[in-house]
Every structure is written in structure tokens, then in C-alpha cells.
Amino acid sequence: MRFFGLEEKIRYKRGKEWTAIQEQKDAWNKTKLQLLIKSKTTDIGEIINPYKGD
């Protein structure tokens, strides 16, 4: 399973800091992932209730 493309992202990173982790097989399985989700709910009005007769 490829989780958010982590395996590919790690494989193609450049720089000496990434060399050690790229040599490890399945290093992406040991990767900790933190997600930040920002969302907004907008109230666009009243829902029509068929039981009220409106």
C-alpha cells in the first residue's frame, strides 16, 4: 500500500540528509505522518422540512 505517495516522495528527495533513509528498505513504513486539516462550514439557509408543510 502506498500511503499518500510517501514512498515515491522519499525516493526522489535530493540532498545528503535523505541518503541514509533512501537506502533503507520500506523506510516509508516507519515514517510518522502528521495531518493538519482546516475546514469551514457555511450555513446557507434553512432545510425545507416536508413534515412542517412549508
N, C-alpha and C. Protein backbone atom coordinates (compact mmCIF):
# COMPACT_ATOMS: atom_id res chain seq x y z
N MET A 1 0.84 -1.18 0.00
CA MET A 1 0.00 0.00 0.00
C MET A 1 0.88 1.24 0.00
N ARG A 2 0.59 2.13 -0.87
CA ARG A 2 1.36 3.38 -0.91
C ARG A 2 0.52 4.47 -0.27
N PHE A 3 1.00 4.95 0.84
CA PHE A 3 0.26 5.88 1.67
C PHE A 3 0.62 7.32 1.30
N PHE A 4 -0.28 8.02 0.64
CA PHE A 4 -0.08 9.42 0.23
C PHE A 4 1.15 9.61 -0.64
N GLY A 5 1.63 8.55 -1.31
CA GLY A 5 2.79 8.68 -2.17
C GLY A 5 4.09 8.89 -1.41
N LEU A 6 4.13 8.51 -0.14
CA LEU A 6 5.34 8.74 0.67
C LEU A 6 6.55 8.02 0.12
N GLU A 7 6.35 6.81 -0.35
CA GLU A 7 7.48 6.04 -0.87
C GLU A 7 8.15 6.78 -2.02
N GLU A 8 7.36 7.29 -2.94
CA GLU A 8 7.92 8.00 -4.09
C GLU A 8 8.54 9.33 -3.67
N LYS A 9 7.90 10.02 -2.76
CA LYS A 9 8.43 11.31 -2.31
C LYS A 9 9.78 11.16 -1.62
N ILE A 10 9.92 10.13 -0.81
CA ILE A 10 11.20 9.88 -0.13
C ILE A 10 12.25 9.46 -1.14
N ARG A 11 11.89 8.61 -2.09
CA ARG A 11 12.84 8.10 -3.08
C ARG A 11 13.45 9.23 -3.92
N TYR A 12 12.67 10.23 -4.26
CA TYR A 12 13.15 11.26 -5.18
C TYR A 12 13.61 12.55 -4.51
N LYS A 13 13.72 12.56 -3.17
CA LYS A 13 14.26 13.72 -2.48
C LYS A 13 15.75 13.82 -2.75
N ARG A 14 16.23 15.03 -2.83
CA ARG A 14 17.66 15.26 -3.07
C ARG A 14 18.32 15.84 -1.83
N GLY A 15 19.59 15.56 -1.68
CA GLY A 15 20.36 16.09 -0.56
C GLY A 15 20.95 14.98 0.28
N LYS A 16 22.04 15.30 0.92
CA LYS A 16 22.75 14.27 1.70
C LYS A 16 21.95 13.81 2.92
N GLU A 17 21.02 14.64 3.39
CA GLU A 17 20.21 14.25 4.55
C GLU A 17 19.28 13.08 4.22
N TRP A 18 18.92 12.94 2.96
CA TRP A 18 17.98 11.90 2.55
C TRP A 18 18.67 10.59 2.17
N THR A 19 19.97 10.59 1.98
CA THR A 19 20.68 9.40 1.51
C THR A 19 20.50 8.20 2.45
N ALA A 20 20.63 8.41 3.74
CA ALA A 20 20.54 7.30 4.70
C ALA A 20 19.16 6.66 4.69
N ILE A 21 18.13 7.46 4.68
CA ILE A 21 16.78 6.90 4.70
C ILE A 21 16.41 6.26 3.36
N GLN A 22 16.96 6.76 2.26
CA GLN A 22 16.67 6.18 0.95
C GLN A 22 17.29 4.79 0.81
N GLU A 23 18.33 4.52 1.54
CA GLU A 23 18.99 3.21 1.48
C GLU A 23 18.23 2.16 2.29
N GLN A 24 17.37 2.58 3.18
CA GLN A 24 16.60 1.64 3.99
C GLN A 24 15.39 1.15 3.21
N LYS A 25 15.22 -0.17 3.21
CA LYS A 25 14.06 -0.74 2.53
C LYS A 25 12.82 -0.49 3.37
N ASP A 26 11.75 -0.07 2.71
CA ASP A 26 10.48 0.22 3.37
C ASP A 26 10.58 1.28 4.46
N ALA A 27 11.44 2.25 4.25
CA ALA A 27 11.59 3.34 5.22
C ALA A 27 10.29 4.13 5.37
N TRP A 28 9.52 4.18 4.30
CA TRP A 28 8.26 4.94 4.35
C TRP A 28 7.27 4.33 5.34
N ASN A 29 7.41 3.02 5.62
CA ASN A 29 6.54 2.38 6.61
C ASN A 29 6.82 2.88 8.02
N LYS A 30 8.02 3.35 8.25
CA LYS A 30 8.42 3.83 9.57
C LYS A 30 8.22 5.33 9.72
N THR A 31 7.73 5.96 8.67
CA THR A 31 7.55 7.41 8.67
C THR A 31 6.32 7.80 9.46
N LYS A 32 6.46 8.83 10.29
CA LYS A 32 5.32 9.36 11.02
C LYS A 32 4.73 10.49 10.18
N LEU A 33 3.43 10.49 10.06
CA LEU A 33 2.74 11.47 9.26
C LEU A 33 1.80 12.26 10.16
N GLN A 34 1.92 13.58 10.07
CA GLN A 34 1.02 14.46 10.81
C GLN A 34 0.19 15.23 9.80
N LEU A 35 -1.11 15.22 10.00
CA LEU A 35 -2.02 15.93 9.12
C LEU A 35 -2.63 17.10 9.84
N LEU A 36 -2.74 18.20 9.14
CA LEU A 36 -3.43 19.37 9.64
C LEU A 36 -4.57 19.65 8.67
N ILE A 37 -5.78 19.57 9.19
CA ILE A 37 -6.95 19.76 8.35
C ILE A 37 -7.65 21.05 8.78
N LYS A 38 -7.81 21.94 7.83
CA LYS A 38 -8.54 23.18 8.08
C LYS A 38 -9.81 23.11 7.25
N SER A 39 -10.93 23.34 7.88
CA SER A 39 -12.19 23.31 7.16
C SER A 39 -13.10 24.42 7.66
N LYS A 40 -14.10 24.72 6.87
CA LYS A 40 -15.05 25.76 7.22
C LYS A 40 -16.43 25.29 6.81
N THR A 41 -17.38 25.42 7.72
CA THR A 41 -18.75 25.06 7.43
C THR A 41 -19.54 26.35 7.27
N THR A 42 -20.24 26.45 6.16
CA THR A 42 -21.04 27.64 5.89
C THR A 42 -22.51 27.26 5.91
N ASP A 43 -23.28 28.00 6.68
CA ASP A 43 -24.72 27.79 6.74
C ASP A 43 -25.35 28.59 5.61
N ILE A 44 -25.98 27.89 4.69
CA ILE A 44 -26.53 28.58 3.53
C ILE A 44 -28.05 28.73 3.60
N GLY A 45 -28.62 28.41 4.71
CA GLY A 45 -30.07 28.60 4.85
C GLY A 45 -30.73 27.46 5.59
N GLU A 46 -32.04 27.49 5.54
CA GLU A 46 -32.84 26.51 6.26
C GLU A 46 -33.20 25.36 5.33
N ILE A 47 -33.16 24.17 5.86
CA ILE A 47 -33.56 22.99 5.08
C ILE A 47 -35.07 22.91 5.09
N ILE A 48 -35.65 22.63 3.94
CA ILE A 48 -37.10 22.50 3.84
C ILE A 48 -37.53 21.22 4.54
N ASN A 49 -38.46 21.34 5.42
CA ASN A 49 -38.98 20.21 6.17
C ASN A 49 -40.34 19.82 5.60
N PRO A 50 -40.45 18.67 4.95
CA PRO A 50 -41.72 18.29 4.34
C PRO A 50 -42.82 18.01 5.38
N TYR A 51 -42.44 17.81 6.63
CA TYR A 51 -43.43 17.49 7.67
C TYR A 51 -44.07 18.75 8.25
N LYS A 52 -43.43 19.92 8.04
CA LYS A 52 -43.98 21.16 8.56
C LYS A 52 -45.02 21.75 7.63
N GLY A 53 -44.99 21.35 6.37
CA GLY A 53 -45.93 21.89 5.41
C GLY A 53 -45.49 23.22 4.81
N ASP A 54 -44.22 23.56 4.95
CA ASP A 54 -43.68 24.81 4.41
C ASP A 54 -43.29 24.67 2.96
